[in-house]
Amino acid sequence: MKKEVNFDEKFKALGEYYNIESPMEIRKQIEKNENIFIFLDEIKPYLEKSFSEAKFNLQMNFEPETDNRFIILRLDVSEDRFNNGICDEINSLEFEIWDLEKKLNVRDVLILPGISNV
């Protein structure tokens, strides 16, 4: 019999793969749509295929003009990769995961590039 995993356990597991900045805000956003857990879990193979050297960070973004809150999945890569086509690669990734986003009704996660400090 499979044990039901509670919210806290799912959130802890999320932090084992993603660096979670402002965890309380991220947690509140995920509480509004727990399909975000599924989405972030199911895109891992896509991230590893295209961005294996990247660091994956989750942070909150607030748009005061529209009162919208978004989780930003920031892909931190080298400055060289950042300056040479990362946006095209992210567009390709977004195309690959579009059906999953629609199926899970996850519209509040944005994928953006960043430069790694390493």
PDB file of N, CA and C in Angstrom:
ATOM      1  N   MET A   1       0.838  -1.178   0.000  1.00  0.00           N
ATOM      2  CA  MET A   1       0.000   0.000   0.000  1.00  0.00           C
ATOM      3  C   MET A   1       0.887   1.247   0.000  1.00  0.00           C
ATOM      4  N   LYS A   2       0.622   2.165  -0.913  1.00  0.00           N
ATOM      5  CA  LYS A   2       1.426   3.365  -1.055  1.00  0.00           C
ATOM      6  C   LYS A   2       1.015   4.414  -0.031  1.00  0.00           C
ATOM      7  N   LYS A   3       2.007   4.950   0.650  1.00  0.00           N
ATOM      8  CA  LYS A   3       1.755   5.968   1.668  1.00  0.00           C
ATOM      9  C   LYS A   3       1.466   7.308   0.997  1.00  0.00           C
ATOM     10  N   GLU A   4       0.451   8.002   1.453  1.00  0.00           N
ATOM     11  CA  GLU A   4       0.122   9.341   0.953  1.00  0.00           C
ATOM     12  C   GLU A   4       1.186  10.320   1.441  1.00  0.00           C
ATOM     13  N   VAL A   5       1.726  11.098   0.536  1.00  0.00           N
ATOM     14  CA  VAL A   5       2.751  12.084   0.883  1.00  0.00           C
ATOM     15  C   VAL A   5       2.057  13.407   1.159  1.00  0.00           C
ATOM     16  N   ASN A   6       2.327  13.987   2.330  1.00  0.00           N
ATOM     17  CA  ASN A   6       1.654  15.239   2.670  1.00  0.00           C
ATOM     18  C   ASN A   6       2.376  16.441   2.068  1.00  0.00           C
ATOM     19  N   PHE A   7       1.763  17.585   2.192  1.00  0.00           N
ATOM     20  CA  PHE A   7       2.274  18.817   1.591  1.00  0.00           C
ATOM     21  C   PHE A   7       3.701  19.118   2.071  1.00  0.00           C
ATOM     22  N   ASP A   8       3.932  19.012   3.362  1.00  0.00           N
ATOM     23  CA  ASP A   8       5.258  19.327   3.909  1.00  0.00           C
ATOM     24  C   ASP A   8       6.337  18.427   3.324  1.00  0.00           C
ATOM     25  N   GLU A   9       6.021  17.147   3.159  1.00  0.00           N
ATOM     26  CA  GLU A   9       6.990  16.208   2.578  1.00  0.00           C
ATOM     27  C   GLU A   9       7.262  16.539   1.108  1.00  0.00           C
ATOM     28  N   LYS A  10       6.209  16.902   0.379  1.00  0.00           N
ATOM     29  CA  LYS A  10       6.389  17.288  -1.027  1.00  0.00           C
ATOM     30  C   LYS A  10       7.242  18.544  -1.140  1.00  0.00           C
ATOM     31  N   PHE A  11       6.989  19.504  -0.251  1.00  0.00           N
ATOM     32  CA  PHE A  11       7.732  20.759  -0.291  1.00  0.00           C
ATOM     33  C   PHE A  11       9.205  20.523   0.059  1.00  0.00           C
ATOM     34  N   LYS A  12       9.453  19.670   1.030  1.00  0.00           N
ATOM     35  CA  LYS A  12      10.833  19.331   1.398  1.00  0.00           C
ATOM     36  C   LYS A  12      11.543  18.668   0.220  1.00  0.00           C
ATOM     37  N   ALA A  13      10.864  17.733  -0.451  1.00  0.00           N
ATOM     38  CA  ALA A  13      11.453  17.052  -1.610  1.00  0.00           C
ATOM     39  C   ALA A  13      11.748  18.038  -2.736  1.00  0.00           C
ATOM     40  N   LEU A  14      10.890  19.019  -2.896  1.00  0.00           N
ATOM     41  CA  LEU A  14      11.094  20.053  -3.908  1.00  0.00           C
ATOM     42  C   LEU A  14      12.413  20.779  -3.652  1.00  0.00           C
ATOM     43  N   GLY A  15      12.689  21.063  -2.382  1.00  0.00           N
ATOM     44  CA  GLY A  15      13.907  21.756  -1.996  1.00  0.00           C
ATOM     45  C   GLY A  15      15.173  20.937  -2.156  1.00  0.00           C
ATOM     46  N   GLU A  16      15.029  19.633  -2.358  1.00  0.00           N
ATOM     47  CA  GLU A  16      16.192  18.794  -2.593  1.00  0.00           C
ATOM     48  C   GLU A  16      16.700  18.908  -4.031  1.00  0.00           C
ATOM     49  N   TYR A  17      15.854  19.379  -4.931  1.00  0.00           N
ATOM     50  CA  TYR A  17      16.239  19.528  -6.336  1.00  0.00           C
ATOM     51  C   TYR A  17      16.418  21.000  -6.716  1.00  0.00           C
ATOM     52  N   TYR A  18      15.512  21.825  -6.241  1.00  0.00           N
ATOM     53  CA  TYR A  18      15.511  23.250  -6.555  1.00  0.00           C
ATOM     54  C   TYR A  18      16.004  24.048  -5.348  1.00  0.00           C
ATOM     55  N   ASN A  19      16.753  25.115  -5.607  1.00  0.00           N
ATOM     56  CA  ASN A  19      17.099  26.062  -4.554  1.00  0.00           C
ATOM     57  C   ASN A  19      15.887  26.987  -4.400  1.00  0.00           C
ATOM     58  N   ILE A  20      15.251  26.950  -3.243  1.00  0.00           N
ATOM     59  CA  ILE A  20      14.025  27.720  -3.040  1.00  0.00           C
ATOM     60  C   ILE A  20      14.351  29.005  -2.295  1.00  0.00           C
ATOM     61  N   GLU A  21      14.229  30.115  -3.007  1.00  0.00           N
ATOM     62  CA  GLU A  21      14.404  31.435  -2.408  1.00  0.00           C
ATOM     63  C   GLU A  21      13.034  31.886  -1.888  1.00  0.00           C
ATOM     64  N   SER A  22      12.991  32.537  -0.772  1.00  0.00           N
ATOM     65  CA  SER A  22      11.741  32.954  -0.097  1.00  0.00           C
ATOM     66  C   SER A  22      10.728  31.801  -0.035  1.00  0.00           C
ATOM     67  N   PRO A  23      11.072  30.749   0.722  1.00  0.00           N
ATOM     68  CA  PRO A  23      10.240  29.543   0.771  1.00  0.00           C
ATOM     69  C   PRO A  23       8.803  29.775   1.253  1.00  0.00           C
ATOM     70  N   MET A  24       8.583  30.699   2.146  1.00  0.00           N
ATOM     71  CA  MET A  24       7.209  30.917   2.627  1.00  0.00           C
ATOM     72  C   MET A  24       6.309  31.440   1.512  1.00  0.00           C
ATOM     73  N   GLU A  25       6.833  32.339   0.697  1.00  0.00           N
ATOM     74  CA  GLU A  25       6.042  32.873  -0.425  1.00  0.00           C
ATOM     75  C   GLU A  25       5.807  31.802  -1.483  1.00  0.00           C
ATOM     76  N   ILE A  26       6.826  31.008  -1.766  1.00  0.00           N
ATOM     77  CA  ILE A  26       6.686  29.913  -2.733  1.00  0.00           C
ATOM     78  C   ILE A  26       5.638  28.927  -2.222  1.00  0.00           C
ATOM     79  N   ARG A  27       5.715  28.608  -0.960  1.00  0.00           N
ATOM     80  CA  ARG A  27       4.772  27.664  -0.349  1.00  0.00           C
ATOM     81  C   ARG A  27       3.330  28.168  -0.493  1.00  0.00           C
ATOM     82  N   LYS A  28       3.104  29.446  -0.206  1.00  0.00           N
ATOM     83  CA  LYS A  28       1.752  30.022  -0.330  1.00  0.00           C
ATOM     84  C   LYS A  28       1.241  29.912  -1.764  1.00  0.00           C
ATOM     85  N   GLN A  29       2.125  30.151  -2.728  1.00  0.00           N
ATOM     86  CA  GLN A  29       1.717  30.071  -4.134  1.00  0.00           C
ATOM     87  C   GLN A  29       1.357  28.637  -4.513  1.00  0.00           C
ATOM     88  N   ILE A  30       2.152  27.672  -4.062  1.00  0.00           N
ATOM     89  CA  ILE A  30       1.886  26.276  -4.377  1.00  0.00           C
ATOM     90  C   ILE A  30       0.609  25.800  -3.687  1.00  0.00           C
ATOM     91  N   GLU A  31       0.327  26.318  -2.509  1.00  0.00           N
ATOM     92  CA  GLU A  31      -0.913  25.946  -1.818  1.00  0.00           C
ATOM     93  C   GLU A  31      -2.140  26.310  -2.650  1.00  0.00           C
ATOM     94  N   LYS A  32      -2.030  27.335  -3.491  1.00  0.00           N
ATOM     95  CA  LYS A  32      -3.135  27.740  -4.366  1.00  0.00           C
ATOM     96  C   LYS A  32      -3.339  26.760  -5.516  1.00  0.00           C
ATOM     97  N   ASN A  33      -2.271  26.058  -5.906  1.00  0.00           N
ATOM     98  CA  ASN A  33      -2.343  25.105  -7.013  1.00  0.00           C
ATOM     99  C   ASN A  33      -1.281  24.028  -6.796  1.00  0.00           C
ATOM    100  N   GLU A  34      -1.667  22.950  -6.130  1.00  0.00           N
ATOM    101  CA  GLU A  34      -0.707  21.890  -5.817  1.00  0.00           C
ATOM    102  C   GLU A  34      -0.232  21.133  -7.058  1.00  0.00           C
ATOM    103  N   ASN A  35      -0.839  21.368  -8.205  1.00  0.00           N
ATOM    104  CA  ASN A  35      -0.334  20.769  -9.442  1.00  0.00           C
ATOM    105  C   ASN A  35       1.060  21.292  -9.777  1.00  0.00           C
ATOM    106  N   ILE A  36       1.450  22.396  -9.153  1.00  0.00           N
ATOM    107  CA  ILE A  36       2.802  22.911  -9.363  1.00  0.00           C
ATOM    108  C   ILE A  36       3.826  21.868  -8.921  1.00  0.00           C
ATOM    109  N   PHE A  37       3.532  21.122  -7.853  1.00  0.00           N
ATOM    110  CA  PHE A  37       4.424  20.025  -7.432  1.00  0.00           C
ATOM    111  C   PHE A  37       4.642  19.045  -8.582  1.00  0.00           C
ATOM    112  N   ILE A  38       3.548  18.615  -9.185  1.00  0.00           N
ATOM    113  CA  ILE A  38       3.615  17.637 -10.275  1.00  0.00           C
ATOM    114  C   ILE A  38       4.394  18.228 -11.444  1.00  0.00           C
ATOM    115  N   PHE A  39       4.064  19.459 -11.799  1.00  0.00           N
ATOM    116  CA  PHE A  39       4.721  20.130 -12.917  1.00  0.00           C
ATOM    117  C   PHE A  39       6.241  20.202 -12.708  1.00  0.00           C
ATOM    118  N   LEU A  40       6.654  20.704 -11.538  1.00  0.00           N
ATOM    119  CA  LEU A  40       8.086  20.855 -11.276  1.00  0.00           C
ATOM    120  C   LEU A  40       8.793  19.511 -11.207  1.00  0.00           C
ATOM    121  N   ASP A  41       8.094  18.470 -10.813  1.00  0.00           N
ATOM    122  CA  ASP A  41       8.679  17.133 -10.804  1.00  0.00           C
ATOM    123  C   ASP A  41       8.797  16.579 -12.225  1.00  0.00           C
ATOM    124  N   GLU A  42       7.765  16.752 -13.022  1.00  0.00           N
ATOM    125  CA  GLU A  42       7.750  16.163 -14.360  1.00  0.00           C
ATOM    126  C   GLU A  42       8.627  16.888 -15.373  1.00  0.00           C
ATOM    127  N   ILE A  43       9.023  18.126 -15.092  1.00  0.00           N
ATOM    128  CA  ILE A  43       9.909  18.813 -16.049  1.00  0.00           C
ATOM    129  C   ILE A  43      11.390  18.547 -15.767  1.00  0.00           C
ATOM    130  N   LYS A  44      11.696  17.862 -14.688  1.00  0.00           N
ATOM    131  CA  LYS A  44      13.100  17.584 -14.351  1.00  0.00           C
ATOM    132  C   LYS A  44      13.866  16.925 -15.503  1.00  0.00           C
ATOM    133  N   PRO A  45      13.311  15.890 -16.172  1.00  0.00           N
ATOM    134  CA  PRO A  45      14.073  15.294 -17.289  1.00  0.00           C
ATOM    135  C   PRO A  45      14.365  16.287 -18.416  1.00  0.00           C
ATOM    136  N   TYR A  46      13.439  17.203 -18.672  1.00  0.00           N
ATOM    137  CA  TYR A  46      13.658  18.226 -19.699  1.00  0.00           C
ATOM    138  C   TYR A  46      14.772  19.185 -19.272  1.00  0.00           C
ATOM    139  N   LEU A  47      14.762  19.560 -17.992  1.00  0.00           N
ATOM    140  CA  LEU A  47      15.794  20.449 -17.475  1.00  0.00           C
ATOM    141  C   LEU A  47      17.162  19.780 -17.548  1.00  0.00           C
ATOM    142  N   GLU A  48      17.216  18.530 -17.156  1.00  0.00           N
ATOM    143  CA  GLU A  48      18.495  17.822 -17.141  1.00  0.00           C
ATOM    144  C   GLU A  48      19.021  17.577 -18.549  1.00  0.00           C
ATOM    145  N   LYS A  49      18.113  17.363 -19.494  1.00  0.00           N
ATOM    146  CA  LYS A  49      18.525  17.123 -20.876  1.00  0.00           C
ATOM    147  C   LYS A  49      19.141  18.388 -21.483  1.00  0.00           C
ATOM    148  N   SER A  50      18.523  19.526 -21.265  1.00  0.00           N
ATOM    149  CA  SER A  50      18.962  20.760 -21.920  1.00  0.00           C
ATOM    150  C   SER A  50      19.857  21.645 -21.062  1.00  0.00           C
ATOM    151  N   PHE A  51      19.758  21.514 -19.757  1.00  0.00           N
ATOM    152  CA  PHE A  51      20.463  22.441 -18.867  1.00  0.00           C
ATOM    153  C   PHE A  51      21.153  21.689 -17.725  1.00  0.00           C
ATOM    154  N   SER A  52      21.847  20.615 -18.046  1.00  0.00           N
ATOM    155  CA  SER A  52      22.414  19.746 -17.012  1.00  0.00           C
ATOM    156  C   SER A  52      23.388  20.469 -16.087  1.00  0.00           C
ATOM    157  N   GLU A  53      24.061  21.495 -16.587  1.00  0.00           N
ATOM    158  CA  GLU A  53      25.034  22.207 -15.753  1.00  0.00           C
ATOM    159  C   GLU A  53      24.413  23.371 -14.984  1.00  0.00           C
ATOM    160  N   ALA A  54      23.150  23.651 -15.214  1.00  0.00           N
ATOM    161  CA  ALA A  54      22.498  24.810 -14.586  1.00  0.00           C
ATOM    162  C   ALA A  54      22.146  24.535 -13.132  1.00  0.00           C
ATOM    163  N   LYS A  55      22.000  25.612 -12.400  1.00  0.00           N
ATOM    164  CA  LYS A  55      21.431  25.554 -11.057  1.00  0.00           C
ATOM    165  C   LYS A  55      19.986  26.004 -11.206  1.00  0.00           C
ATOM    166  N   PHE A  56      19.077  25.287 -10.548  1.00  0.00           N
ATOM    167  CA  PHE A  56      17.641  25.557 -10.681  1.00  0.00           C
ATOM    168  C   PHE A  56      17.133  26.239  -9.424  1.00  0.00           C
ATOM    169  N   ASN A  57      16.674  27.466  -9.578  1.00  0.00           N
ATOM    170  CA  ASN A  57      16.225  28.280  -8.454  1.00  0.00           C
ATOM    171  C   ASN A  57      14.751  28.639  -8.606  1.00  0.00           C
ATOM    172  N   LEU A  58      14.039  28.611  -7.502  1.00  0.00           N
ATOM    173  CA  LEU A  58      12.648  29.057  -7.483  1.00  0.00           C
ATOM    174  C   LEU A  58      12.576  30.325  -6.643  1.00  0.00           C
ATOM    175  N   GLN A  59      11.962  31.348  -7.204  1.00  0.00           N
ATOM    176  CA  GLN A  59      11.782  32.594  -6.475  1.00  0.00           C
ATOM    177  C   GLN A  59      10.421  33.182  -6.841  1.00  0.00           C
ATOM    178  N   MET A  60       9.943  34.071  -6.018  1.00  0.00           N
ATOM    179  CA  MET A  60       8.644  34.701  -6.274  1.00  0.00           C
ATOM    180  C   MET A  60       8.830  36.014  -7.008  1.00  0.00           C
ATOM    181  N   ASN A  61       7.851  36.325  -7.841  1.00  0.00           N
ATOM    182  CA  ASN A  61       7.806  37.604  -8.526  1.00  0.00           C
ATOM    183  C   ASN A  61       6.406  38.157  -8.361  1.00  0.00           C
ATOM    184  N   PHE A  62       6.308  39.423  -8.070  1.00  0.00           N
ATOM    185  CA  PHE A  62       5.014  40.077  -7.881  1.00  0.00           C
ATOM    186  C   PHE A  62       4.894  41.219  -8.876  1.00  0.00           C
ATOM    187  N   GLU A  63       3.802  41.215  -9.626  1.00  0.00           N
ATOM    188  CA  GLU A  63       3.523  42.277 -10.583  1.00  0.00           C
ATOM    189  C   GLU A  63       2.473  43.210  -9.968  1.00  0.00           C
ATOM    190  N   PRO A  64       2.886  44.346  -9.390  1.00  0.00           N
ATOM    191  CA  PRO A  64       1.929  45.215  -8.693  1.00  0.00           C
ATOM    192  C   PRO A  64       0.843  45.798  -9.615  1.00  0.00           C
ATOM    193  N   GLU A  65       1.175  45.994 -10.894  1.00  0.00           N
ATOM    194  CA  GLU A  65       0.182  46.561 -11.812  1.00  0.00           C
ATOM    195  C   GLU A  65      -1.023  45.642 -11.994  1.00  0.00           C
ATOM    196  N   THR A  66      -0.762  44.342 -11.968  1.00  0.00           N
ATOM    197  CA  THR A  66      -1.845  43.372 -12.207  1.00  0.00           C
ATOM    198  C   THR A  66      -2.188  42.557 -10.975  1.00  0.00           C
ATOM    199  N   ASP A  67      -1.447  42.752  -9.890  1.00  0.00           N
ATOM    200  CA  ASP A  67      -1.634  42.002  -8.646  1.00  0.00           C
ATOM    201  C   ASP A  67      -1.440  40.500  -8.857  1.00  0.00           C
ATOM    202  N   ASN A  68      -0.602  40.146  -9.821  1.00  0.00           N
ATOM    203  CA  ASN A  68      -0.306  38.739 -10.094  1.00  0.00           C
ATOM    204  C   ASN A  68       0.983  38.326  -9.420  1.00  0.00           C
ATOM    205  N   ARG A  69       1.003  37.095  -8.955  1.00  0.00           N
ATOM    206  CA  ARG A  69       2.205  36.511  -8.363  1.00  0.00           C
ATOM    207  C   ARG A  69       2.620  35.316  -9.225  1.00  0.00           C
ATOM    208  N   PHE A  70       3.917  35.217  -9.464  1.00  0.00           N
ATOM    209  CA  PHE A  70       4.460  34.142 -10.269  1.00  0.00           C
ATOM    210  C   PHE A  70       5.630  33.504  -9.548  1.00  0.00           C
ATOM    211  N   ILE A  71       5.778  32.213  -9.757  1.00  0.00           N
ATOM    212  CA  ILE A  71       6.999  31.542  -9.344  1.00  0.00           C
ATOM    213  C   ILE A  71       7.939  31.609 -10.548  1.00  0.00           C
ATOM    214  N   ILE A  72       9.129  32.102 -10.311  1.00  0.00           N
ATOM    215  CA  ILE A  72      10.149  32.143 -11.355  1.00  0.00           C
ATOM    216  C   ILE A  72      11.050  30.922 -11.164  1.00  0.00           C
ATOM    217  N   LEU A  73      11.162  30.114 -12.209  1.00  0.00           N
ATOM    218  CA  LEU A  73      12.157  29.054 -12.244  1.00  0.00           C
ATOM    219  C   LEU A  73      13.339  29.647 -13.002  1.00  0.00           C
ATOM    220  N   ARG A  74      14.366  30.025 -12.258  1.00  0.00           N
ATOM    221  CA  ARG A  74      15.532  30.665 -12.859  1.00  0.00           C
ATOM    222  C   ARG A  74      16.610  29.619 -13.103  1.00  0.00           C
ATOM    223  N   LEU A  75      17.056  29.560 -14.354  1.00  0.00           N
ATOM    224  CA  LEU A  75      18.092  28.612 -14.761  1.00  0.00           C
ATOM    225  C   LEU A  75      19.414  29.363 -14.784  1.00  0.00           C
ATOM    226  N   ASP A  76      20.229  29.192 -13.742  1.00  0.00           N
ATOM    227  CA  ASP A  76      21.518  29.880 -13.668  1.00  0.00           C
ATOM    228  C   ASP A  76      22.562  29.084 -14.429  1.00  0.00           C
ATOM    229  N   VAL A  77      23.144  29.735 -15.436  1.00  0.00           N
ATOM    230  CA  VAL A  77      24.161  29.116 -16.294  1.00  0.00           C
ATOM    231  C   VAL A  77      25.386  30.024 -16.336  1.00  0.00           C
ATOM    232  N   SER A  78      26.422  29.566 -17.010  1.00  0.00           N
ATOM    233  CA  SER A  78      27.633  30.385 -17.146  1.00  0.00           C
ATOM    234  C   SER A  78      27.312  31.647 -17.945  1.00  0.00           C
ATOM    235  N   GLU A  79      28.129  32.666 -17.748  1.00  0.00           N
ATOM    236  CA  GLU A  79      27.926  33.927 -18.482  1.00  0.00           C
ATOM    237  C   GLU A  79      28.036  33.697 -19.985  1.00  0.00           C
ATOM    238  N   ASP A  80      28.942  32.819 -20.400  1.00  0.00           N
ATOM    239  CA  ASP A  80      29.105  32.527 -21.823  1.00  0.00           C
ATOM    240  C   ASP A  80      27.821  31.919 -22.403  1.00  0.00           C
ATOM    241  N   ARG A  81      27.270  30.956 -21.708  1.00  0.00           N
ATOM    242  CA  ARG A  81      26.023  30.335 -22.201  1.00  0.00           C
ATOM    243  C   ARG A  81      24.863  31.324 -22.136  1.00  0.00           C
ATOM    244  N   PHE A  82      24.840  32.130 -21.098  1.00  0.00           N
ATOM    245  CA  PHE A  82      23.793  33.146 -20.956  1.00  0.00           C
ATOM    246  C   PHE A  82      23.799  34.083 -22.170  1.00  0.00           C
ATOM    247  N   ASN A  83      24.990  34.447 -22.630  1.00  0.00           N
ATOM    248  CA  ASN A  83      25.121  35.399 -23.740  1.00  0.00           C
ATOM    249  C   ASN A  83      25.017  34.756 -25.116  1.00  0.00           C
ATOM    250  N   ASN A  84      24.886  33.432 -25.164  1.00  0.00           N
ATOM    251  CA  ASN A  84      24.908  32.743 -26.454  1.00  0.00           C
ATOM    252  C   ASN A  84      23.749  31.771 -26.634  1.00  0.00           C
ATOM    253  N   GLY A  85      22.542  32.281 -26.649  1.00  0.00           N
ATOM    254  CA  GLY A  85      21.399  31.478 -27.060  1.00  0.00           C
ATOM    255  C   GLY A  85      20.553  30.860 -25.969  1.00  0.00           C
ATOM    256  N   ILE A  86      20.747  31.231 -24.724  1.00  0.00           N
ATOM    257  CA  ILE A  86      19.958  30.618 -23.656  1.00  0.00           C
ATOM    258  C   ILE A  86      18.465  30.873 -23.837  1.00  0.00           C
ATOM    259  N   CYS A  87      18.101  32.050 -24.324  1.00  0.00           N
ATOM    260  CA  CYS A  87      16.671  32.363 -24.489  1.00  0.00           C
ATOM    261  C   CYS A  87      16.024  31.458 -25.531  1.00  0.00           C
ATOM    262  N   ASP A  88      16.749  31.165 -26.604  1.00  0.00           N
ATOM    263  CA  ASP A  88      16.234  30.233 -27.613  1.00  0.00           C
ATOM    264  C   ASP A  88      16.046  28.835 -27.018  1.00  0.00           C
ATOM    265  N   GLU A  89      16.981  28.422 -26.174  1.00  0.00           N
ATOM    266  CA  GLU A  89      16.882  27.108 -25.540  1.00  0.00           C
ATOM    267  C   GLU A  89      15.698  27.055 -24.567  1.00  0.00           C
ATOM    268  N   ILE A  90      15.469  28.132 -23.854  1.00  0.00           N
ATOM    269  CA  ILE A  90      14.320  28.185 -22.949  1.00  0.00           C
ATOM    270  C   ILE A  90      13.025  28.162 -23.744  1.00  0.00           C
ATOM    271  N   ASN A  91      12.984  28.864 -24.872  1.00  0.00           N
ATOM    272  CA  ASN A  91      11.791  28.818 -25.725  1.00  0.00           C
ATOM    273  C   ASN A  91      11.519  27.399 -26.204  1.00  0.00           C
ATOM    274  N   SER A  92      12.560  26.665 -26.568  1.00  0.00           N
ATOM    275  CA  SER A  92      12.396  25.268 -26.989  1.00  0.00           C
ATOM    276  C   SER A  92      11.863  24.418 -25.840  1.00  0.00           C
ATOM    277  N   LEU A  93      12.411  24.628 -24.656  1.00  0.00           N
ATOM    278  CA  LEU A  93      11.942  23.903 -23.477  1.00  0.00           C
ATOM    279  C   LEU A  93      10.463  24.198 -23.224  1.00  0.00           C
ATOM    280  N   GLU A  94      10.090  25.461 -23.273  1.00  0.00           N
ATOM    281  CA  GLU A  94       8.700  25.832 -23.026  1.00  0.00           C
ATOM    282  C   GLU A  94       7.762  25.199 -24.051  1.00  0.00           C
ATOM    283  N   PHE A  95       8.219  25.083 -25.292  1.00  0.00           N
ATOM    284  CA  PHE A  95       7.419  24.418 -26.322  1.00  0.00           C
ATOM    285  C   PHE A  95       7.217  22.946 -25.971  1.00  0.00           C
ATOM    286  N   GLU A  96       8.277  22.300 -25.468  1.00  0.00           N
ATOM    287  CA  GLU A  96       8.200  20.878 -25.111  1.00  0.00           C
ATOM    288  C   GLU A  96       7.262  20.615 -23.928  1.00  0.00           C
ATOM    289  N   ILE A  97       7.177  21.543 -22.999  1.00  0.00           N
ATOM    290  CA  ILE A  97       6.379  21.307 -21.785  1.00  0.00           C
ATOM    291  C   ILE A  97       5.021  21.986 -21.824  1.00  0.00           C
ATOM    292  N   TRP A  98       4.685  22.614 -22.936  1.00  0.00           N
ATOM    293  CA  TRP A  98       3.419  23.351 -23.056  1.00  0.00           C
ATOM    294  C   TRP A  98       2.202  22.480 -22.762  1.00  0.00           C
ATOM    295  N   ASP A  99       2.161  21.273 -23.310  1.00  0.00           N
ATOM    296  CA  ASP A  99       1.015  20.385 -23.086  1.00  0.00           C
ATOM    297  C   ASP A  99       0.873  20.023 -21.607  1.00  0.00           C
ATOM    298  N   LEU A 100       1.986  19.816 -20.939  1.00  0.00           N
ATOM    299  CA  LEU A 100       1.964  19.514 -19.511  1.00  0.00           C
ATOM    300  C   LEU A 100       1.408  20.705 -18.723  1.00  0.00           C
ATOM    301  N   GLU A 101       1.857  21.905 -19.063  1.00  0.00           N
ATOM    302  CA  GLU A 101       1.339  23.108 -18.389  1.00  0.00           C
ATOM    303  C   GLU A 101      -0.175  23.210 -18.540  1.00  0.00           C
ATOM    304  N   LYS A 102      -0.659  22.972 -19.749  1.00  0.00           N
ATOM    305  CA  LYS A 102      -2.107  23.049 -19.997  1.00  0.00           C
ATOM    306  C   LYS A 102      -2.845  21.959 -19.236  1.00  0.00           C
ATOM    307  N   LYS A 103      -2.342  20.737 -19.299  1.00  0.00           N
ATOM    308  CA  LYS A 103      -2.999  19.605 -18.637  1.00  0.00           C
ATOM    309  C   LYS A 103      -3.126  19.832 -17.135  1.00  0.00           C
ATOM    310  N   LEU A 104      -2.077  20.379 -16.527  1.00  0.00           N
ATOM    311  CA  LEU A 104      -2.062  20.583 -15.083  1.00  0.00           C
ATOM    312  C   LEU A 104      -2.603  21.957 -14.662  1.00  0.00           C
ATOM    313  N   ASN A 105      -2.920  22.792 -15.651  1.00  0.00           N
ATOM    314  CA  ASN A 105      -3.407  24.143 -15.390  1.00  0.00           C
ATOM    315  C   ASN A 105      -2.404  24.932 -14.529  1.00  0.00           C
ATOM    316  N   VAL A 106      -1.144  24.872 -14.939  1.00  0.00           N
ATOM    317  CA  VAL A 106      -0.075  25.607 -14.262  1.00  0.00           C
ATOM    318  C   VAL A 106       0.285  26.791 -15.150  1.00  0.00           C
ATOM    319  N   ARG A 107      -0.172  27.960 -14.743  1.00  0.00           N
ATOM    320  CA  ARG A 107       0.073  29.164 -15.522  1.00  0.00           C
ATOM    321  C   ARG A 107       0.894  30.192 -14.748  1.00  0.00           C
ATOM    322  N   ASP A 108       1.302  29.841 -13.559  1.00  0.00           N
ATOM    323  CA  ASP A 108       1.987  30.813 -12.715  1.00  0.00           C
ATOM    324  C   ASP A 108       3.431  30.430 -12.414  1.00  0.00           C
ATOM    325  N   VAL A 109       4.058  29.694 -13.358  1.00  0.00           N
ATOM    326  CA  VAL A 109       5.487  29.397 -13.264  1.00  0.00           C
ATOM    327  C   VAL A 109       6.133  29.895 -14.553  1.00  0.00           C
ATOM    328  N   LEU A 110       7.083  30.809 -14.400  1.00  0.00           N
ATOM    329  CA  LEU A 110       7.808  31.360 -15.547  1.00  0.00           C
ATOM    330  C   LEU A 110       9.248  30.861 -15.505  1.00  0.00           C
ATOM    331  N   ILE A 111       9.793  30.557 -16.663  1.00  0.00           N
ATOM    332  CA  ILE A 111      11.180  30.086 -16.750  1.00  0.00           C
ATOM    333  C   ILE A 111      12.023  31.207 -17.340  1.00  0.00           C
ATOM    334  N   LEU A 112      13.052  31.605 -16.600  1.00  0.00           N
ATOM    335  CA  LEU A 112      13.919  32.704 -17.028  1.00  0.00           C
ATOM    336  C   LEU A 112      15.380  32.316 -16.836  1.00  0.00           C
ATOM    337  N   PRO A 113      16.266  32.923 -17.635  1.00  0.00           N
ATOM    338  CA  PRO A 113      17.696  32.652 -17.482  1.00  0.00           C
ATOM    339  C   PRO A 113      18.310  33.507 -16.383  1.00  0.00           C
ATOM    340  N   GLY A 114      19.406  33.032 -15.852  1.00  0.00           N
ATOM    341  CA  GLY A 114      20.203  33.780 -14.891  1.00  0.00           C
ATOM    342  C   GLY A 114      21.666  33.408 -15.076  1.00  0.00           C
ATOM    343  N   ILE A 115      22.542  34.200 -14.490  1.00  0.00           N
ATOM    344  CA  ILE A 115      23.973  33.925 -14.567  1.00  0.00           C
ATOM    345  C   ILE A 115      24.421  33.337 -13.247  1.00  0.00           C
ATOM    346  N   SER A 116      25.091  32.204 -13.332  1.00  0.00           N
ATOM    347  CA  SER A 116      25.609  31.538 -12.144  1.00  0.00           C
ATOM    348  C   SER A 116      26.767  32.328 -11.561  1.00  0.00           C
ATOM    349  N   ASN A 117      26.842  32.365 -10.249  1.00  0.00           N
ATOM    350  CA  ASN A 117      27.929  33.054  -9.567  1.00  0.00           C
ATOM    351  C   ASN A 117      29.185  32.215  -9.467  1.00  0.00           C
ATOM    352  N   VAL A 118      29.122  30.993  -9.971  1.00  0.00           N
ATOM    353  CA  VAL A 118      30.261  30.083  -9.846  1.00  0.00           C
ATOM    354  C   VAL A 118      31.210  30.278 -11.009  1.00  0.00           C
TER     355      VAL A 118
END
